[in-house]
Amino acid sequence: MTHGQVTRRQFLAGTTVAVGALALGRPAHAKGSVTAAMYPGTWEEAFRMHVAPALKSAHDVDLEMTPLFAVDQIAKAQAARGAPPFDAFVLDPGPRVTGIDRGLYEKFDAKRLTNLGRLSAGMTDEWGVTIAAQVVGIGYNPKKLPKPKAWTDLLKDPWVSRLGMTGFQTTYGTVSIIEIAKQYGGSETNVEPFFTEIKKVLSKVAAIGAPASMPALFQQGQCDITYTNTQTVATLRGRGVDIEFVKPESGAVSFYTTMHVAKGSKEIENAYKYFDTVISAPVQTALMQPPNNFIPVNREVKLARDLPMQSLDEMAKFVHHDWAKINPLRAGWIERFNKEVAK
């Protein structure tokens, strides 16, 4: 992911969101700041452009961000032993469950969100609030390959010789490999069939790399098909790369990114204002636009035309996973992938 120059259009979009955020809710009496853990790269850039000015405009609260990937957020918060290094987490499902198990969050009161009614049912619980959705499937170059139909196509010709792979380090990588395994008789806790099948074709695979390297490998033409999410596909397309997203026949995978108040935070009130700003319609609309390409969860936001669904309700029909079952196995899967596949 790149840190590009801010264009005039992006600046104007950020200004528009800041003005629109004035209508987010009642003005805040308390001022101050909130420190949020934030995924480095696209997420940090997008939140600096759109969320920070909206939060400042609506509540006079400054957003300070600590760039950390999800597993690092959990590790850093646990090491702090009750003195949290930030006020708010942003997490995918696996680390979210780990944080719950380790008691790293304050109990969540959804009624403190003025935009609660604009979220679908189930987008909040006693631990946090959903702020974005992700959809995982297959990304491929339509000028180089025929359209794949199933997860199993990835391990067949002509696709396998142009396949770019990553392991279990990311949520999208984990769920994709689980879905491949399921097509060969596995399950979300049994990925043995994946390892059996990949070894048969491993010599043909075009590229195996770290998750952060896959977009660049695709853009450079070192691979022409990969498992990925819609955000990456939209970002690459915005750079002029020939890439299309495909929902496999067995169904695309969906999961949600959530935010949580860190246990022991001294800025709980400002953390709720921050969450409320993130899920507001003006901010969600801005985050959905290129080059950020987030999938919104606010029902008042009209979804972009290139998303693989017309409404958020359709995501209920997508494939979901039980991360309480996956988490205990994931470290072993990562180690095995590194030894047997990425060797």
Protein backbone atom coordinates (compact mmCIF):
# COMPACT_ATOMS: atom_id res chain seq x y z
CA MET A 1 0.00 0.00 0.00
CA THR A 2 1.31 3.42 -0.88
CA HIS A 3 1.30 6.79 0.79
CA GLY A 4 0.43 9.04 -2.13
CA GLN A 5 0.07 12.76 -2.53
CA VAL A 6 -3.28 14.28 -1.54
CA THR A 7 -5.10 15.32 -4.67
CA ARG A 8 -7.33 18.38 -4.94
CA ARG A 9 -10.38 16.11 -5.29
CA GLN A 10 -9.45 14.19 -2.12
CA PHE A 11 -8.94 17.45 -0.25
CA LEU A 12 -12.34 18.74 -1.32
CA ALA A 13 -13.95 15.40 -0.41
CA GLY A 14 -12.41 15.61 3.06
CA THR A 15 -13.67 19.15 3.45
CA THR A 16 -17.17 18.11 2.39
CA VAL A 17 -17.23 15.34 4.97
CA ALA A 18 -16.08 17.70 7.68
CA VAL A 19 -18.91 20.07 6.90
CA GLY A 20 -21.43 17.24 6.62
CA ALA A 21 -20.31 15.90 9.97
CA LEU A 22 -21.83 18.94 11.65
CA ALA A 23 -25.15 17.14 11.37
CA LEU A 24 -23.92 13.94 13.03
CA GLY A 25 -25.54 14.62 16.36
CA ARG A 26 -25.77 17.02 19.26
CA PRO A 27 -22.69 19.19 19.82
CA ALA A 28 -20.25 17.86 22.39
CA HIS A 29 -19.59 19.80 25.56
CA ALA A 30 -16.39 17.96 26.37
CA LYS A 31 -13.31 18.60 24.26
CA GLY A 32 -10.06 16.71 24.04
CA SER A 33 -8.62 13.86 22.04
CA VAL A 34 -8.87 10.13 21.46
CA THR A 35 -6.00 7.82 20.52
CA ALA A 36 -6.98 5.05 18.14
CA ALA A 37 -5.03 2.03 17.00
CA MET A 38 -5.20 2.03 13.22
CA TYR A 39 -4.17 -0.32 10.41
CA PRO A 40 -1.16 1.19 8.61
CA GLY A 41 -1.45 2.19 4.98
CA THR A 42 -4.85 2.68 3.34
CA TRP A 43 -6.79 2.74 6.61
CA GLU A 44 -4.53 5.28 8.27
CA GLU A 45 -4.56 7.52 5.20
CA ALA A 46 -8.34 7.32 4.83
CA PHE A 47 -9.03 8.07 8.49
CA ARG A 48 -6.63 10.99 8.45
CA MET A 49 -8.36 12.40 5.39
CA HIS A 50 -12.01 11.83 6.35
CA VAL A 51 -12.55 10.77 9.97
CA ALA A 52 -10.18 13.15 11.74
CA PRO A 53 -11.65 16.37 10.28
CA ALA A 54 -15.22 15.11 10.77
CA LEU A 55 -14.58 14.25 14.43
CA LYS A 56 -12.95 17.63 15.02
CA SER A 57 -15.80 19.48 13.31
CA ALA A 58 -18.64 17.65 15.03
CA HIS A 59 -17.19 17.22 18.53
CA ASP A 60 -14.00 19.31 18.73
CA VAL A 61 -12.12 16.09 19.47
CA ASP A 62 -8.68 15.47 17.98
CA LEU A 63 -7.96 12.02 16.53
CA GLU A 64 -4.50 10.65 17.23
CA MET A 65 -3.61 7.38 15.54
CA THR A 66 -1.16 4.62 16.46
CA PRO A 67 -0.41 2.52 13.35
CA LEU A 68 -0.65 -1.16 14.34
CA PHE A 69 -1.87 -4.32 12.68
CA ALA A 70 -4.51 -6.28 14.58
CA VAL A 71 -2.29 -8.88 16.25
CA ASP A 72 0.11 -6.12 17.33
CA GLN A 73 -2.76 -4.17 18.90
CA ILE A 74 -3.66 -7.19 21.01
CA ALA A 75 -0.06 -7.85 22.01
CA LYS A 76 0.65 -4.23 22.90
CA ALA A 77 -2.55 -3.81 24.92
CA GLN A 78 -1.92 -7.01 26.86
CA ALA A 79 1.67 -6.03 27.60
CA ALA A 80 0.49 -2.66 28.96
CA ARG A 81 -1.17 -4.43 31.92
CA GLY A 82 -4.10 -2.11 32.52
CA ALA A 83 -2.52 1.10 31.22
CA PRO A 84 -3.75 0.99 27.61
CA PRO A 85 -1.47 2.57 24.97
CA PHE A 86 -4.55 3.67 23.02
CA ASP A 87 -8.26 4.21 23.65
CA ALA A 88 -9.77 2.30 20.73
CA PHE A 89 -9.07 -0.91 18.83
CA VAL A 90 -9.88 -1.64 15.18
CA LEU A 91 -9.94 -5.39 14.59
CA ASP A 92 -10.92 -8.20 12.26
CA PRO A 93 -12.81 -11.22 13.64
CA GLY A 94 -9.90 -13.38 14.81
CA PRO A 95 -8.08 -10.77 16.92
CA ARG A 96 -11.46 -9.45 18.11
CA VAL A 97 -12.23 -12.82 19.71
CA THR A 98 -8.75 -12.95 21.23
CA GLY A 99 -9.30 -9.52 22.80
CA ILE A 100 -12.60 -10.66 24.31
CA ASP A 101 -10.98 -13.79 25.73
CA ARG A 102 -8.18 -11.74 27.30
CA GLY A 103 -10.46 -9.07 28.77
CA LEU A 104 -8.98 -6.17 26.80
CA TYR A 105 -12.22 -4.21 26.17
CA GLU A 106 -14.60 -2.14 28.20
CA LYS A 107 -18.21 -3.30 28.05
CA PHE A 108 -19.92 -1.52 25.16
CA ASP A 109 -23.09 0.58 25.44
CA ALA A 110 -24.52 0.89 21.93
CA LYS A 111 -27.17 3.37 23.10
CA ARG A 112 -24.45 6.00 23.33
CA LEU A 113 -24.21 6.03 19.53
CA THR A 114 -26.52 8.58 17.90
CA ASN A 115 -26.19 6.69 14.60
CA LEU A 116 -27.14 3.32 16.09
CA GLY A 117 -30.49 3.27 14.27
CA ARG A 118 -28.70 3.54 10.92
CA LEU A 119 -26.94 0.20 11.42
CA SER A 120 -28.43 -3.18 10.63
CA ALA A 121 -29.36 -5.50 13.47
CA GLY A 122 -26.40 -7.35 14.91
CA MET A 123 -23.84 -4.64 14.10
CA THR A 124 -23.24 -3.97 17.81
CA ASP A 125 -22.88 -6.23 20.82
CA GLU A 126 -21.63 -5.99 24.39
CA TRP A 127 -18.04 -5.56 23.18
CA GLY A 128 -18.08 -3.15 20.25
CA VAL A 129 -19.49 -1.84 16.98
CA THR A 130 -19.07 -2.89 13.36
CA ILE A 131 -17.63 -0.08 11.25
CA ALA A 132 -16.85 -1.73 7.90
CA ALA A 133 -17.52 -4.92 5.97
CA GLN A 134 -15.19 -6.97 3.83
CA VAL A 135 -16.01 -9.42 1.06
CA VAL A 136 -13.48 -12.05 -0.01
CA GLY A 137 -13.38 -13.97 -3.27
CA ILE A 138 -11.19 -14.24 -6.35
CA GLY A 139 -9.46 -11.43 -8.19
CA TYR A 140 -8.24 -12.16 -11.73
CA ASN A 141 -7.00 -10.43 -14.87
CA PRO A 142 -9.74 -10.88 -17.52
CA LYS A 143 -7.29 -10.08 -20.31
CA LYS A 144 -5.00 -12.93 -19.32
CA LEU A 145 -7.31 -15.65 -18.01
CA PRO A 146 -10.85 -17.01 -18.47
CA LYS A 147 -13.24 -16.22 -15.64
CA PRO A 148 -12.90 -18.72 -12.77
CA LYS A 149 -16.06 -20.13 -11.24
CA ALA A 150 -14.96 -21.95 -8.10
CA TRP A 151 -12.29 -21.95 -5.42
CA THR A 152 -11.00 -25.21 -6.88
CA ASP A 153 -10.23 -23.46 -10.19
CA LEU A 154 -7.31 -21.78 -8.43
CA LEU A 155 -5.51 -25.13 -8.29
CA LYS A 156 -6.24 -26.08 -11.92
CA ASP A 157 -4.85 -25.02 -15.28
CA PRO A 158 -4.80 -22.44 -16.72
CA TRP A 159 -5.24 -20.53 -13.45
CA VAL A 160 -2.75 -22.26 -11.15
CA SER A 161 0.26 -21.29 -13.27
CA ARG A 162 -0.71 -17.63 -12.81
CA LEU A 163 -1.73 -17.94 -9.14
CA GLY A 164 -0.42 -15.59 -6.48
CA MET A 165 -0.67 -16.99 -2.95
CA THR A 166 -0.26 -15.83 0.60
CA GLY A 167 -0.76 -17.73 3.83
CA PHE A 168 -2.80 -17.57 7.01
CA GLN A 169 -1.35 -14.28 8.34
CA THR A 170 -4.37 -12.28 7.23
CA THR A 171 -8.09 -12.79 7.69
CA TYR A 172 -8.72 -12.92 3.94
CA GLY A 173 -5.91 -15.44 3.45
CA THR A 174 -7.18 -17.67 6.24
CA VAL A 175 -10.79 -17.74 5.08
CA SER A 176 -9.79 -18.30 1.45
CA ILE A 177 -7.65 -21.31 2.29
CA ILE A 178 -10.42 -22.67 4.52
CA GLU A 179 -12.86 -22.36 1.63
CA ILE A 180 -10.46 -24.16 -0.73
CA ALA A 181 -10.07 -26.94 1.85
CA LYS A 182 -13.84 -27.24 2.22
CA GLN A 183 -14.23 -27.94 -1.50
CA TYR A 184 -12.01 -31.00 -1.05
CA GLY A 185 -13.77 -32.32 2.03
CA GLY A 186 -12.25 -30.14 4.75
CA SER A 187 -13.90 -27.73 7.17
CA GLU A 188 -13.17 -24.50 8.98
CA THR A 189 -11.12 -26.50 11.49
CA ASN A 190 -9.63 -28.98 9.01
CA VAL A 191 -7.42 -27.55 6.27
CA GLU A 192 -5.54 -30.80 5.64
CA PRO A 193 -7.16 -31.20 2.18
CA PHE A 194 -5.72 -27.84 1.14
CA PHE A 195 -2.17 -28.92 1.97
CA THR A 196 -2.72 -32.22 0.17
CA GLU A 197 -3.98 -30.53 -3.00
CA ILE A 198 -1.55 -27.61 -3.09
CA LYS A 199 1.46 -29.95 -2.91
CA LYS A 200 0.26 -31.57 -6.16
CA VAL A 201 0.53 -28.28 -8.06
CA LEU A 202 2.99 -26.25 -5.98
CA SER A 203 5.67 -26.30 -8.69
CA LYS A 204 3.25 -24.53 -11.05
CA VAL A 205 2.26 -21.65 -8.73
CA ALA A 206 3.40 -18.31 -10.11
CA ALA A 207 4.09 -16.42 -6.87
CA ILE A 208 4.01 -16.94 -3.12
CA GLY A 209 4.55 -13.87 -0.98
CA ALA A 210 3.72 -11.86 2.09
CA PRO A 211 0.20 -10.38 2.18
CA ALA A 212 1.44 -6.83 1.73
CA SER A 213 3.32 -7.83 -1.44
CA MET A 214 0.41 -9.39 -3.31
CA PRO A 215 -1.12 -6.21 -4.80
CA ALA A 216 2.28 -5.19 -6.15
CA LEU A 217 2.94 -8.66 -7.56
CA PHE A 218 -0.42 -8.55 -9.35
CA GLN A 219 0.17 -5.04 -10.62
CA GLN A 220 3.59 -6.03 -11.95
CA GLY A 221 2.12 -9.02 -13.78
CA GLN A 222 3.95 -11.63 -11.72
CA CYS A 223 0.57 -13.26 -11.07
CA ASP A 224 -2.84 -12.83 -12.68
CA ILE A 225 -5.18 -14.47 -10.17
CA THR A 226 -5.35 -14.54 -6.39
CA TYR A 227 -7.73 -14.78 -3.46
CA THR A 228 -8.37 -11.32 -2.13
CA ASN A 229 -10.97 -8.82 -0.95
CA THR A 230 -13.04 -6.27 -2.85
CA GLN A 231 -11.10 -3.37 -1.35
CA THR A 232 -7.84 -4.58 -2.89
CA VAL A 233 -9.50 -5.23 -6.25
CA ALA A 234 -11.05 -1.75 -6.32
CA THR A 235 -7.76 -0.15 -5.30
CA LEU A 236 -5.83 -1.92 -8.06
CA ARG A 237 -8.51 -1.10 -10.62
CA GLY A 238 -8.20 2.53 -9.58
CA ARG A 239 -4.52 2.35 -10.51
CA GLY A 240 -5.41 1.15 -13.98
CA VAL A 241 -4.73 -2.55 -13.34
CA ASP A 242 -6.85 -5.06 -15.29
CA ILE A 243 -8.60 -6.95 -12.49
CA GLU A 244 -12.12 -8.19 -11.78
CA PHE A 245 -13.71 -9.67 -8.67
CA VAL A 246 -15.49 -13.03 -8.78
CA LYS A 247 -17.83 -14.56 -6.21
CA PRO A 248 -17.06 -18.30 -6.16
CA GLU A 249 -19.99 -20.65 -6.81
CA SER A 250 -19.94 -21.80 -3.19
CA GLY A 251 -20.30 -18.17 -2.10
CA ALA A 252 -18.15 -15.19 -1.34
CA VAL A 253 -16.86 -14.82 2.22
CA SER A 254 -17.82 -11.84 4.33
CA PHE A 255 -16.52 -10.62 7.63
CA TYR A 256 -16.67 -7.41 9.58
CA THR A 257 -14.18 -5.00 11.06
CA THR A 258 -15.12 -3.78 14.53
CA MET A 259 -14.03 -1.12 17.01
CA HIS A 260 -13.73 -1.49 20.78
CA VAL A 261 -12.99 0.72 23.78
CA ALA A 262 -9.72 -0.32 25.39
CA LYS A 263 -10.02 -1.52 28.98
CA GLY A 264 -8.91 1.26 31.31
CA SER A 265 -9.24 4.04 28.73
CA LYS A 266 -9.46 7.55 30.22
CA GLU A 267 -11.21 8.86 27.08
CA ILE A 268 -14.30 6.65 26.93
CA GLU A 269 -16.67 9.49 26.08
CA ASN A 270 -14.46 10.64 23.21
CA ALA A 271 -14.07 7.06 22.03
CA TYR A 272 -17.85 6.81 21.58
CA LYS A 273 -17.84 10.10 19.66
CA TYR A 274 -15.11 8.69 17.46
CA PHE A 275 -17.08 5.50 16.75
CA ASP A 276 -20.24 7.50 16.08
CA THR A 277 -18.37 9.66 13.59
CA VAL A 278 -16.95 6.63 11.77
CA ILE A 279 -20.40 5.06 11.25
CA SER A 280 -22.10 8.32 10.23
CA ALA A 281 -23.44 8.47 6.66
CA PRO A 282 -21.17 11.32 5.45
CA VAL A 283 -18.01 9.58 6.65
CA GLN A 284 -19.07 6.13 5.46
CA THR A 285 -19.89 7.57 2.04
CA ALA A 286 -16.49 9.23 1.82
CA LEU A 287 -14.63 6.09 2.92
CA MET A 288 -16.42 4.08 0.20
CA GLN A 289 -15.04 6.31 -2.58
CA PRO A 290 -11.76 5.61 -4.39
CA PRO A 291 -8.96 5.31 -3.49
CA ASN A 292 -10.14 3.91 -0.13
CA ASN A 293 -12.98 1.62 -1.25
CA PHE A 294 -14.37 0.64 2.16
CA ILE A 295 -17.69 -1.26 2.29
CA PRO A 296 -20.03 0.81 4.48
CA VAL A 297 -22.30 -0.55 7.21
CA ASN A 298 -24.58 2.51 7.49
CA ARG A 299 -27.86 1.55 5.78
CA GLU A 300 -28.39 5.11 4.53
CA VAL A 301 -25.33 4.89 2.28
CA LYS A 302 -25.99 3.78 -1.29
CA LEU A 303 -23.51 1.05 -2.17
CA ALA A 304 -21.05 1.54 -5.01
CA ARG A 305 -22.03 -0.18 -8.25
CA ASP A 306 -18.92 -2.35 -8.46
CA LEU A 307 -19.55 -4.13 -5.14
CA PRO A 308 -20.69 -7.78 -5.36
CA MET A 309 -24.06 -7.02 -3.74
CA GLN A 310 -26.76 -4.39 -4.03
CA SER A 311 -27.55 -4.14 -0.34
CA LEU A 312 -25.95 -4.97 2.99
CA ASP A 313 -28.73 -7.47 3.66
CA GLU A 314 -27.27 -9.73 0.97
CA MET A 315 -24.16 -10.23 3.09
CA ALA A 316 -26.19 -12.41 5.44
CA LYS A 317 -26.20 -15.00 2.63
CA PHE A 318 -22.41 -14.94 2.25
CA VAL A 319 -20.09 -17.42 3.96
CA HIS A 320 -19.15 -16.66 7.56
CA HIS A 321 -16.72 -18.38 9.93
CA ASP A 322 -16.49 -19.17 13.63
CA TRP A 323 -13.28 -17.55 14.79
CA ALA A 324 -13.54 -18.98 18.28
CA LYS A 325 -12.83 -22.32 16.58
CA ILE A 326 -10.26 -21.02 14.11
CA ASN A 327 -8.09 -18.99 16.49
CA PRO A 328 -6.59 -21.91 18.46
CA LEU A 329 -5.47 -23.55 15.21
CA ARG A 330 -4.25 -20.56 13.25
CA ALA A 331 -0.68 -20.30 14.60
CA GLY A 332 -0.04 -23.92 13.66
CA TRP A 333 -1.45 -23.34 10.18
CA ILE A 334 0.81 -20.32 9.69
CA GLU A 335 3.86 -22.31 10.70
CA ARG A 336 2.94 -25.22 8.47
CA PHE A 337 2.24 -23.00 5.44
CA ASN A 338 5.62 -21.33 5.88
CA LYS A 339 7.42 -24.68 6.04
CA GLU A 340 5.53 -26.66 3.41
CA VAL A 341 4.25 -24.09 0.91
CA ALA A 342 6.29 -20.89 1.17
CA LYS A 343 9.60 -22.77 1.48
